[in-house]
């Protein structure tokens, strides 16, 4: 029998030869710390001068590069007008109710409430409630469309939503991505964003809820033994003061915290219209009369384009280059699968999923690859869009239409 020490030496040699490293991730900087802490972090690029549209689109949007624009929100009347007293003084009797979350540490399973906007203003400082809703119509004229995106084609065709984020502070989002481009403008309080470049570290951040494009990692105590990839990520830090705006590129990974009485508006637009914008027709000089009530927001309903569907499929493949049909089901339907089983709804949903999977699984090996997504012909994506619409209609009938939550798109 060989000496145990000799066997140990051989094992070490083999491990080094094959680059096998066994690390104790519980000792790694950042383990059980808030998301982003303990790892290398750099400040986001920032400017005191609001870039003109041509510079903004070419240097940042097309390049998928974040940018903090100091003071860019201060041109809007909202920056000085939006006090609680102002909101309560308005006649908002024609407004619909607003969507309110009930816990400040975001959970996609939390209870969502609908309530009168002015009632929210009266109550939010005394509770955990947090408004996440489209900017009420009565006050849309108080917000100027951010100067760098004042492009006529975008204003008529590509704007998706303008959301208002309103709380007494202390909110804490999940780690997530957006299926849109985003400018977030802060009117009260402070915010901190932690950004991750998906082109560098997308395979390190486990979006284990691909149906909602978010991770279940505890953002207050990141456990590297569960999410080991996060021990290898470099982060970009953004500290925002009232008046600042931040451009967050399409599909960039981010997590957000708010401090103090807090009010922000973010503008989402369709990433796929960027190539169609004629920059020569954008406003060379910022038009302070181009407010939110004078542009058109099309909503996420029109984001279910062929390009949007293809993008969603590519995103949920995530780290893996191969996806089984079982994982495909979960990625596409998420917790709806559990609801269908609880209600003994049958397997009809599998027929829709099988149709979609078959249109992409070119070699019929029951495994979907990134290359197969890339190679799928346009007509297959059009057919997938039709099947998905039929499946959505089936789910609405079977489960009932759930309350909309803007976080479903974050």
Protein backbone atom coordinates (compact mmCIF):
# COMPACT_ATOMS: atom_id res chain seq x y z
CA UNK A 1 0.00 0.00 0.00
CA UNK A 2 1.42 3.39 -0.98
CA UNK A 3 2.21 5.96 1.66
CA UNK A 4 -0.78 8.32 2.28
CA UNK A 5 1.52 11.35 2.02
CA UNK A 6 2.65 10.30 -1.45
CA UNK A 7 -0.97 9.99 -2.54
CA UNK A 8 -1.66 13.47 -1.16
CA UNK A 9 1.27 14.93 -3.15
CA UNK A 10 0.04 13.23 -6.32
CA UNK A 11 -3.45 14.64 -5.75
CA UNK A 12 -2.07 18.16 -5.36
CA UNK A 13 -0.01 17.80 -8.55
CA UNK A 14 -3.05 16.58 -10.48
CA UNK A 15 -5.15 19.47 -9.17
CA UNK A 16 -2.56 22.04 -10.20
CA UNK A 17 -2.01 20.40 -13.59
CA UNK A 18 -5.74 20.55 -14.37
CA UNK A 19 -6.26 24.00 -12.79
CA UNK A 20 -8.55 22.55 -10.14
CA UNK A 21 -8.77 24.97 -7.25
CA UNK A 22 -10.78 24.27 -4.15
CA UNK A 23 -11.48 27.61 -2.47
CA UNK A 24 -13.28 28.30 0.75
CA UNK A 25 -15.78 30.85 -0.50
CA UNK A 26 -16.95 31.55 3.05
CA UNK A 27 -13.60 33.33 3.53
CA UNK A 28 -13.88 35.36 0.32
CA UNK A 29 -14.40 39.14 0.67
CA UNK A 30 -18.08 39.97 0.38
CA UNK A 31 -19.48 36.67 1.66
CA UNK A 32 -22.63 37.36 3.70
CA UNK A 33 -22.25 41.07 2.97
CA UNK A 34 -24.67 43.28 1.00
CA UNK A 35 -24.67 42.85 -2.77
CA UNK A 36 -21.56 44.46 -4.26
CA UNK A 37 -19.61 44.86 -1.03
CA UNK A 38 -16.20 43.27 -0.61
CA UNK A 39 -15.52 43.06 -4.34
CA UNK A 40 -13.70 45.53 -6.61
CA UNK A 41 -15.95 48.48 -7.36
CA UNK A 42 -15.54 51.53 -9.60
CA UNK A 43 -17.63 54.68 -9.89
CA UNK A 44 -19.88 55.13 -12.90
CA UNK A 45 -18.92 57.64 -15.55
CA UNK A 46 -20.66 60.95 -14.88
CA UNK A 47 -21.10 64.34 -16.50
CA UNK A 48 -22.20 67.79 -15.35
CA UNK A 49 -23.26 68.66 -18.89
CA UNK A 50 -26.36 66.97 -20.31
CA UNK A 51 -25.18 65.34 -23.55
CA UNK A 52 -26.92 66.16 -26.81
CA UNK A 53 -28.88 63.27 -28.37
CA UNK A 54 -26.24 62.39 -30.96
CA UNK A 55 -23.51 62.11 -28.33
CA UNK A 56 -25.77 60.24 -25.93
CA UNK A 57 -26.98 57.65 -28.40
CA UNK A 58 -23.63 57.02 -30.09
CA UNK A 59 -21.41 57.03 -27.00
CA UNK A 60 -23.77 55.38 -24.52
CA UNK A 61 -26.95 53.77 -25.89
CA UNK A 62 -25.37 52.07 -28.89
CA UNK A 63 -22.30 51.24 -26.80
CA UNK A 64 -24.42 49.91 -23.89
CA UNK A 65 -22.52 52.11 -21.45
CA UNK A 66 -24.10 53.60 -18.28
CA UNK A 67 -23.93 57.32 -17.57
CA UNK A 68 -24.82 59.48 -14.59
CA UNK A 69 -26.04 62.96 -15.60
CA UNK A 70 -25.72 65.27 -12.63
CA UNK A 71 -28.53 67.80 -12.35
CA UNK A 72 -30.33 66.54 -15.45
CA UNK A 73 -33.65 66.15 -13.59
CA UNK A 74 -33.60 69.68 -12.21
CA UNK A 75 -34.94 71.12 -15.49
CA UNK A 76 -38.34 69.55 -14.76
CA UNK A 77 -40.91 71.55 -12.74
CA UNK A 78 -41.31 68.37 -10.67
CA UNK A 79 -37.92 69.00 -9.10
CA UNK A 80 -39.28 71.94 -7.11
CA UNK A 81 -43.06 71.38 -7.27
CA UNK A 82 -43.38 67.77 -6.18
CA UNK A 83 -44.00 68.06 -2.47
CA UNK A 84 -46.58 66.07 -0.53
CA UNK A 85 -48.50 69.30 0.02
CA UNK A 86 -48.59 69.95 -3.73
CA UNK A 87 -49.95 66.46 -4.45
CA UNK A 88 -52.64 66.81 -1.81
CA UNK A 89 -53.73 70.20 -3.16
CA UNK A 90 -54.58 68.86 -6.62
CA UNK A 91 -57.94 67.74 -7.96
CA UNK A 92 -57.15 64.13 -8.83
CA UNK A 93 -60.71 62.82 -8.79
CA UNK A 94 -60.37 61.54 -12.35
CA UNK A 95 -57.25 59.51 -11.60
CA UNK A 96 -57.27 55.74 -11.36
CA UNK A 97 -55.90 54.05 -8.26
CA UNK A 98 -52.18 53.37 -8.05
CA UNK A 99 -50.23 50.17 -7.41
CA UNK A 100 -48.62 50.00 -3.98
CA UNK A 101 -46.20 47.40 -2.64
CA UNK A 102 -46.40 46.43 0.99
CA UNK A 103 -42.78 45.68 1.93
CA UNK A 104 -39.72 47.76 1.21
CA UNK A 105 -37.33 44.86 0.71
CA UNK A 106 -38.58 43.71 -2.64
CA UNK A 107 -40.18 40.30 -2.93
CA UNK A 108 -41.83 39.23 -6.14
CA UNK A 109 -44.26 37.22 -4.00
CA UNK A 110 -45.37 40.12 -1.82
CA UNK A 111 -48.92 41.39 -1.59
CA UNK A 112 -49.75 44.21 -4.00
CA UNK A 113 -52.44 46.77 -3.16
CA UNK A 114 -54.42 49.30 -5.15
CA UNK A 115 -55.19 52.59 -3.46
CA UNK A 116 -56.03 56.21 -4.13
CA UNK A 117 -52.90 58.24 -4.90
CA UNK A 118 -53.66 61.02 -2.46
CA UNK A 119 -54.47 58.47 0.24
CA UNK A 120 -51.04 56.97 -0.38
CA UNK A 121 -49.46 60.42 0.06
CA UNK A 122 -51.19 60.74 3.41
CA UNK A 123 -50.18 57.26 4.61
CA UNK A 124 -46.75 56.36 3.20
CA UNK A 125 -44.65 58.04 5.90
CA UNK A 126 -46.40 55.98 8.56
CA UNK A 127 -46.03 52.53 6.99
CA UNK A 128 -43.97 50.25 4.77
CA UNK A 129 -46.00 50.96 1.63
CA UNK A 130 -44.13 51.87 -1.54
CA UNK A 131 -45.75 53.20 -4.70
CA UNK A 132 -44.59 51.74 -8.03
CA UNK A 133 -46.94 53.00 -10.72
CA UNK A 134 -47.14 54.96 -13.93
CA UNK A 135 -46.89 58.70 -13.31
CA UNK A 136 -50.47 59.89 -12.60
CA UNK A 137 -51.91 61.76 -15.60
CA UNK A 138 -52.64 64.90 -13.57
CA UNK A 139 -48.93 65.50 -12.91
CA UNK A 140 -47.37 64.26 -16.18
CA UNK A 141 -46.94 67.88 -17.33
CA UNK A 142 -44.47 68.41 -14.47
CA UNK A 143 -41.85 66.08 -15.96
CA UNK A 144 -39.77 67.02 -19.01
CA UNK A 145 -38.77 64.08 -21.21
CA UNK A 146 -35.00 63.73 -20.58
CA UNK A 147 -33.16 65.90 -23.08
CA UNK A 148 -30.91 63.20 -24.60
CA UNK A 149 -33.93 61.13 -25.69
CA UNK A 150 -35.98 63.97 -27.18
CA UNK A 151 -36.21 62.27 -30.57
CA UNK A 152 -39.49 62.48 -32.47
CA UNK A 153 -39.48 58.88 -33.64
CA UNK A 154 -38.83 57.59 -30.12
CA UNK A 155 -41.50 59.88 -28.62
CA UNK A 156 -44.13 58.57 -31.05
CA UNK A 157 -43.11 54.94 -31.38
CA UNK A 158 -40.63 53.66 -28.81
CA UNK A 159 -41.50 54.90 -25.34
CA UNK A 160 -42.78 52.08 -23.13
CA UNK A 161 -43.60 53.49 -19.70
CA UNK A 162 -42.87 56.27 -17.19
CA UNK A 163 -42.92 54.82 -13.70
CA UNK A 164 -43.02 56.72 -10.42
CA UNK A 165 -41.15 55.21 -7.43
CA UNK A 166 -42.30 56.87 -4.21
CA UNK A 167 -41.52 55.92 -0.61
CA UNK A 168 -40.29 57.12 2.76
CA UNK A 169 -36.93 55.51 1.98
CA UNK A 170 -35.29 52.24 2.91
CA UNK A 171 -36.38 50.34 -0.19
CA UNK A 172 -34.19 47.56 -1.46
CA UNK A 173 -34.66 45.89 -4.85
CA UNK A 174 -33.80 42.41 -6.05
CA UNK A 175 -30.92 41.88 -8.45
CA UNK A 176 -32.52 42.05 -11.87
CA UNK A 177 -32.33 43.12 -15.50
CA UNK A 178 -34.71 45.17 -17.61
CA UNK A 179 -35.83 44.20 -21.09
CA UNK A 180 -35.72 47.90 -22.02
CA UNK A 181 -33.37 50.87 -21.95
CA UNK A 182 -33.86 53.06 -18.90
CA UNK A 183 -33.27 56.59 -17.61
CA UNK A 184 -33.95 56.94 -13.90
CA UNK A 185 -34.32 60.52 -12.58
CA UNK A 186 -34.36 61.31 -8.87
CA UNK A 187 -36.47 64.16 -7.46
CA UNK A 188 -36.15 63.51 -3.71
CA UNK A 189 -33.74 61.66 -1.45
CA UNK A 190 -30.76 59.54 -2.40
CA UNK A 191 -30.34 56.27 -4.27
CA UNK A 192 -27.53 53.81 -4.71
CA UNK A 193 -27.30 51.57 -7.75
CA UNK A 194 -24.96 48.61 -8.06
CA UNK A 195 -24.46 47.74 -11.73
CA UNK A 196 -22.92 44.68 -13.37
CA UNK A 197 -21.81 44.62 -17.00
CA UNK A 198 -23.52 41.55 -18.52
CA UNK A 199 -20.98 41.33 -21.34
CA UNK A 200 -18.24 40.72 -18.75
CA UNK A 201 -20.00 38.99 -15.87
CA UNK A 202 -23.37 37.84 -17.17
CA UNK A 203 -22.32 34.23 -16.65
CA UNK A 204 -21.42 34.93 -13.01
CA UNK A 205 -24.75 36.34 -11.84
CA UNK A 206 -27.27 33.52 -11.51
CA UNK A 207 -30.68 34.80 -12.62
CA UNK A 208 -32.37 31.81 -11.06
CA UNK A 209 -35.81 33.26 -11.80
CA UNK A 210 -35.49 33.69 -15.56
CA UNK A 211 -39.25 34.06 -15.97
CA UNK A 212 -38.94 37.41 -14.17
CA UNK A 213 -35.32 38.20 -15.11
CA UNK A 214 -34.17 38.36 -11.49
CA UNK A 215 -32.08 36.54 -8.91
CA UNK A 216 -33.31 35.24 -5.57
CA UNK A 217 -29.99 36.09 -3.91
CA UNK A 218 -30.45 37.81 -0.54
CA UNK A 219 -29.12 41.28 -1.37
CA UNK A 220 -28.37 41.96 2.31
CA UNK A 221 -26.39 38.72 2.86
CA UNK A 222 -24.89 37.36 -0.34
CA UNK A 223 -24.07 33.69 0.22
CA UNK A 224 -21.17 32.70 -2.03
CA UNK A 225 -21.76 29.01 -1.33
CA UNK A 226 -25.13 29.36 -3.10
CA UNK A 227 -24.09 32.01 -5.63
CA UNK A 228 -20.36 31.33 -6.17
CA UNK A 229 -20.14 33.39 -9.34
CA UNK A 230 -20.68 36.60 -7.36
CA UNK A 231 -17.30 36.06 -5.72
CA UNK A 232 -15.73 36.85 -9.12
CA UNK A 233 -17.71 39.93 -10.18
CA UNK A 234 -16.46 43.53 -10.39
CA UNK A 235 -19.15 46.11 -9.71
CA UNK A 236 -19.99 49.64 -10.82
CA UNK A 237 -21.29 51.92 -8.09
CA UNK A 238 -23.65 54.86 -8.61
CA UNK A 239 -24.54 57.32 -5.85
CA UNK A 240 -27.42 59.59 -6.84
CA UNK A 241 -28.57 62.86 -5.29
CA UNK A 242 -31.87 64.62 -5.98
CA UNK A 243 -31.68 66.13 -9.46
CA UNK A 244 -29.48 63.41 -10.96
CA UNK A 245 -30.44 61.04 -13.79
CA UNK A 246 -28.87 57.68 -14.56
CA UNK A 247 -28.89 55.87 -17.89
CA UNK A 248 -29.02 52.09 -17.35
CA UNK A 249 -28.36 50.22 -20.59
CA UNK A 250 -30.55 47.47 -21.91
CA UNK A 251 -30.15 44.18 -20.00
CA UNK A 252 -27.58 45.54 -17.56
CA UNK A 253 -27.77 43.78 -14.21
CA UNK A 254 -28.55 46.10 -11.30
CA UNK A 255 -29.74 46.42 -7.72
CA UNK A 256 -31.14 49.60 -6.13
CA UNK A 257 -31.41 51.03 -2.60
CA UNK A 258 -33.14 54.25 -1.60
CA UNK A 259 -32.52 56.55 1.36
CA UNK A 260 -34.63 59.27 2.91
CA UNK A 261 -37.97 60.49 1.60
CA UNK A 262 -37.64 59.23 -1.92
CA UNK A 263 -39.27 59.97 -5.28
CA UNK A 264 -38.00 59.03 -8.71
CA UNK A 265 -39.32 58.60 -12.24
CA UNK A 266 -37.79 56.25 -14.75
CA UNK A 267 -38.43 56.33 -18.47
CA UNK A 268 -38.33 52.99 -20.26
CA UNK A 269 -38.03 52.69 -24.04
CA UNK A 270 -37.95 49.86 -26.53
CA UNK A 271 -34.37 48.81 -27.18
CA UNK A 272 -35.22 47.62 -30.68
CA UNK A 273 -36.24 51.03 -32.04
CA UNK A 274 -32.75 52.46 -31.51
CA UNK A 275 -31.52 51.46 -34.96
CA UNK A 276 -34.54 53.16 -36.56
CA UNK A 277 -33.98 56.59 -34.97
CA UNK A 278 -32.71 59.34 -37.25
CA UNK A 279 -30.49 61.32 -34.89
CA UNK A 280 -30.65 64.33 -37.22
CA UNK A 281 -34.34 64.68 -36.25
CA UNK A 282 -33.71 64.70 -32.49
CA UNK A 283 -33.87 68.01 -30.63
CA UNK A 284 -30.49 69.71 -30.87
CA UNK A 285 -31.70 72.10 -28.17
CA UNK A 286 -33.63 70.64 -25.27
CA UNK A 287 -37.35 71.47 -25.42
CA UNK A 288 -38.58 72.14 -21.89
CA UNK A 289 -42.16 71.99 -23.15
CA UNK A 290 -41.76 68.35 -24.22
CA UNK A 291 -43.35 66.93 -21.09
CA UNK A 292 -44.69 63.44 -20.42
CA UNK A 293 -48.26 64.44 -21.27
CA UNK A 294 -47.13 65.34 -24.80
CA UNK A 295 -45.52 62.02 -25.72
CA UNK A 296 -46.95 58.55 -26.16
CA UNK A 297 -46.21 55.58 -23.94
CA UNK A 298 -47.19 52.31 -25.56
CA UNK A 299 -46.86 50.00 -22.56
CA UNK A 300 -45.32 46.56 -22.31
CA UNK A 301 -48.16 45.01 -24.29
CA UNK A 302 -46.47 46.14 -27.49
CA UNK A 303 -43.13 44.79 -26.31
CA UNK A 304 -44.22 41.26 -27.22
CA UNK A 305 -42.73 41.77 -30.65
CA UNK A 306 -40.80 39.02 -32.38
CA UNK A 307 -37.54 40.73 -31.36
CA UNK A 308 -38.72 41.02 -27.76
CA UNK A 309 -39.68 37.34 -27.59
CA UNK A 310 -36.36 36.24 -29.09
CA UNK A 311 -34.52 38.45 -26.62
CA UNK A 312 -36.41 36.93 -23.68
CA UNK A 313 -35.50 33.42 -24.81
CA UNK A 314 -31.85 34.37 -25.18
CA UNK A 315 -31.81 35.92 -21.71
CA UNK A 316 -33.23 32.91 -19.90
CA UNK A 317 -30.63 30.62 -21.41
CA UNK A 318 -28.36 32.68 -19.17
CA UNK A 319 -25.13 31.03 -18.13
CA UNK A 320 -25.91 27.70 -19.74
CA UNK A 321 -25.54 27.15 -23.47
CA UNK A 322 -27.92 24.17 -23.26
CA UNK A 323 -31.43 24.06 -21.81
CA UNK A 324 -33.60 20.97 -21.31
CA UNK A 325 -37.33 21.02 -21.94
CA UNK A 326 -37.96 20.84 -18.18
CA UNK A 327 -35.92 23.95 -17.52
CA UNK A 328 -37.50 25.62 -20.55
CA UNK A 329 -40.95 25.13 -18.98
CA UNK A 330 -39.88 26.73 -15.72
CA UNK A 331 -38.08 29.61 -17.44
CA UNK A 332 -41.11 30.47 -19.55
CA UNK A 333 -43.92 29.99 -17.02
CA UNK A 334 -42.23 30.26 -13.62
CA UNK A 335 -44.63 29.84 -10.70
CA UNK A 336 -47.62 29.54 -13.04
CA UNK A 337 -46.64 25.87 -13.42
CA UNK A 338 -47.13 25.32 -9.68
CA UNK A 339 -50.50 27.10 -9.79
CA UNK A 340 -51.65 24.97 -12.70
CA UNK A 341 -50.73 21.80 -10.80
CA UNK A 342 -52.40 23.03 -7.60
CA UNK A 343 -55.62 23.62 -9.51
CA UNK A 344 -55.40 20.31 -11.39
CA UNK A 345 -55.65 22.25 -14.62
CA UNK A 346 -54.30 19.42 -16.74
CA UNK A 347 -51.42 19.39 -19.18
CA UNK A 348 -52.77 21.56 -21.98
CA UNK A 349 -50.06 24.15 -21.31
CA UNK A 350 -47.46 21.51 -22.21
CA UNK A 351 -48.87 21.33 -25.73
CA UNK A 352 -48.16 25.03 -26.23
CA UNK A 353 -44.68 24.71 -24.75
CA UNK A 354 -43.89 21.68 -26.91
CA UNK A 355 -44.92 23.58 -30.05
CA UNK A 356 -42.61 26.45 -29.14
CA UNK A 357 -39.74 24.16 -28.17
CA UNK A 358 -40.04 22.15 -31.38
CA UNK A 359 -39.80 25.32 -33.48
CA UNK A 360 -36.40 26.02 -31.93
CA UNK A 361 -34.96 22.54 -31.27
CA UNK A 362 -33.64 22.11 -34.79
CA UNK A 363 -32.05 18.68 -34.29
CA UNK A 364 -34.92 17.36 -32.12
CA UNK A 365 -32.59 16.20 -29.34
CA UNK A 366 -34.79 17.72 -26.61
CA UNK A 367 -32.05 20.21 -25.76
CA UNK A 368 -32.21 23.87 -26.74
CA UNK A 369 -28.92 25.66 -27.44
CA UNK A 370 -27.95 29.27 -27.98
CA UNK A 371 -26.84 28.40 -31.49
CA UNK A 372 -30.28 26.99 -32.29
CA UNK A 373 -31.88 30.23 -31.10
CA UNK A 374 -29.48 32.17 -33.29
CA UNK A 375 -30.18 29.98 -36.33
CA UNK A 376 -33.99 29.89 -36.01
CA UNK A 377 -35.53 31.46 -39.14
CA UNK A 378 -37.75 34.58 -38.85
CA UNK A 379 -40.87 32.62 -39.79
CA UNK A 380 -40.37 30.33 -36.78
CA UNK A 381 -40.26 33.33 -34.44
CA UNK A 382 -43.47 34.65 -35.97
CA UNK A 383 -45.14 31.29 -35.35
CA UNK A 384 -43.78 31.27 -31.77
CA UNK A 385 -45.31 34.71 -31.20
CA UNK A 386 -48.71 33.36 -32.28
CA UNK A 387 -48.44 30.28 -30.03
CA UNK A 388 -47.39 32.43 -27.06
CA UNK A 389 -50.42 34.65 -27.53
CA UNK A 390 -52.67 31.57 -27.56
CA UNK A 391 -50.92 30.22 -24.45
CA UNK A 392 -51.32 33.56 -22.65
CA UNK A 393 -55.02 33.51 -23.42
CA UNK A 394 -55.27 29.96 -22.05
CA UNK A 395 -53.42 30.92 -18.85
CA UNK A 396 -55.67 33.96 -18.35
CA UNK A 397 -58.75 31.75 -18.62
CA UNK A 398 -57.33 29.05 -16.38
CA UNK A 399 -55.63 31.09 -13.67
CA UNK A 400 -57.42 34.41 -13.94
CA UNK A 401 -55.56 37.53 -15.03
CA UNK A 402 -53.13 38.45 -12.20
CA UNK A 403 -52.67 41.97 -10.95
CA UNK A 404 -50.06 43.74 -13.02
CA UNK A 405 -46.83 44.61 -11.27
CA UNK A 406 -44.22 46.82 -12.91
CA UNK A 407 -41.56 44.65 -11.29
CA UNK A 408 -42.51 41.89 -13.70
CA UNK A 409 -40.62 43.90 -16.28
CA UNK A 410 -37.68 44.97 -14.15
